[in-house]
Amino acid sequence: MKKLIVPLAISIIGGVIALFIHNLNYDHNIVQDKLVSGNKMVNISYDPSPTINSNSNIDFTIAAEKTINSVVHVKNTSVASGSSSVWDYYNNR
């Protein structure tokens, strides 16, 4: 039981000391933004793209005609080899 109490007491004392040092160095001033009653909110959109009506249908046929008519086949080959022994991980073998 003594082996459990000593490390626990040391860790609690260390935590209290760390909390005390943190509170000494931490700035406790709370900054609050206040809204001046004379200001009005302005809605500004920084998106330069034109807006699209959500009710309109989008036609992709023009974009499809401009694409390149080709098919790309990608073949991926990998070769894996396992280690021959567990001892290969030791002694830089």
Protein backbone atom coordinates (compact mmCIF):
# COMPACT_ATOMS: atom_id res chain seq x y z
CA MET A 1 0.00 0.00 0.00
CA LYS A 2 2.92 2.32 0.73
CA LYS A 3 4.16 1.81 -2.84
CA LEU A 4 0.87 3.24 -4.10
CA ILE A 5 0.52 6.18 -1.71
CA VAL A 6 3.96 7.74 -2.27
CA PRO A 7 3.71 8.09 -6.10
CA LEU A 8 0.11 9.25 -5.79
CA ALA A 9 1.06 11.94 -3.26
CA ILE A 10 4.00 13.08 -5.40
CA SER A 11 1.79 13.35 -8.49
CA ILE A 12 -0.87 15.34 -6.61
CA ILE A 13 1.76 17.72 -5.20
CA GLY A 14 3.26 18.12 -8.68
CA GLY A 15 -0.16 18.89 -10.14
CA VAL A 16 -0.86 21.52 -7.48
CA ILE A 17 2.53 23.15 -8.11
CA ALA A 18 1.94 23.16 -11.88
CA LEU A 19 -1.51 24.69 -11.40
CA PHE A 20 -0.10 27.37 -9.10
CA ILE A 21 2.65 28.30 -11.59
CA HIS A 22 0.13 28.37 -14.44
CA ASN A 23 -2.17 30.70 -12.51
CA LEU A 24 0.73 33.06 -11.79
CA ASN A 25 1.67 33.33 -15.48
CA TYR A 26 -1.80 33.28 -17.04
CA ASP A 27 -3.49 36.60 -17.85
CA HIS A 28 -6.98 36.49 -16.33
CA ASN A 29 -8.36 39.54 -18.15
CA ILE A 30 -11.50 38.68 -20.09
CA VAL A 31 -11.95 40.56 -23.36
CA GLN A 32 -15.52 41.09 -24.46
CA ASP A 33 -16.61 42.53 -27.77
CA LYS A 34 -19.33 45.11 -27.41
CA LEU A 35 -21.66 46.04 -30.24
CA VAL A 36 -22.16 49.76 -30.71
CA SER A 37 -25.84 50.53 -31.26
CA GLY A 38 -25.14 52.92 -34.17
CA ASN A 39 -23.52 50.27 -36.36
CA LYS A 40 -25.53 48.19 -38.79
CA MET A 41 -24.69 44.74 -40.04
CA VAL A 42 -23.78 44.61 -43.72
CA ASN A 43 -24.08 41.39 -45.69
CA ILE A 44 -21.05 41.04 -47.94
CA SER A 45 -20.32 38.11 -50.21
CA TYR A 46 -16.65 37.51 -50.93
CA ASP A 47 -17.43 34.77 -53.45
CA PRO A 48 -16.76 36.14 -56.95
CA SER A 49 -18.64 33.31 -58.68
CA PRO A 50 -22.14 34.14 -59.84
CA THR A 51 -25.00 32.70 -57.87
CA ILE A 52 -27.18 30.06 -59.50
CA ASN A 53 -30.88 29.82 -58.91
CA SER A 54 -31.52 26.56 -57.06
CA ASN A 55 -34.70 26.00 -59.09
CA SER A 56 -32.91 26.04 -62.46
CA ASN A 57 -31.70 22.84 -64.11
CA ILE A 58 -27.98 22.67 -64.83
CA ASP A 59 -27.04 21.48 -68.31
CA PHE A 60 -23.72 19.62 -68.45
CA THR A 61 -23.88 18.80 -72.17
CA ILE A 62 -21.65 21.72 -73.17
CA ALA A 63 -18.99 20.75 -70.66
CA ALA A 64 -19.23 17.12 -71.78
CA GLU A 65 -18.71 18.10 -75.43
CA LYS A 66 -15.56 20.08 -74.54
CA THR A 67 -13.89 17.18 -72.74
CA ILE A 68 -11.25 15.02 -74.36
CA ASN A 69 -12.66 11.77 -75.68
CA SER A 70 -10.18 9.27 -74.31
CA VAL A 71 -9.99 6.41 -71.88
CA VAL A 72 -7.10 5.98 -69.49
CA HIS A 73 -6.14 2.55 -68.20
CA VAL A 74 -3.86 2.51 -65.18
CA LYS A 75 -2.13 -0.70 -64.25
CA ASN A 76 -0.51 -0.94 -60.86
CA THR A 77 1.83 -3.79 -60.02
CA SER A 78 3.52 -4.29 -56.69
CA VAL A 79 5.72 -7.04 -55.38
CA ALA A 80 5.93 -7.69 -51.67
CA SER A 81 8.29 -10.00 -49.90
CA GLY A 82 8.16 -10.85 -46.25
CA SER A 83 11.08 -11.30 -43.93
CA SER A 84 12.42 -14.81 -43.65
CA SER A 85 12.83 -14.73 -39.91
CA VAL A 86 11.82 -12.81 -36.81
CA TRP A 87 15.51 -12.30 -36.10
CA ASP A 88 15.81 -10.04 -39.19
CA TYR A 89 14.39 -7.21 -37.09
CA TYR A 90 17.26 -7.45 -34.61
CA ASN A 91 20.98 -6.69 -34.95
CA ASN A 92 20.61 -4.73 -38.24
CA ARG A 93 20.35 -7.83 -40.42
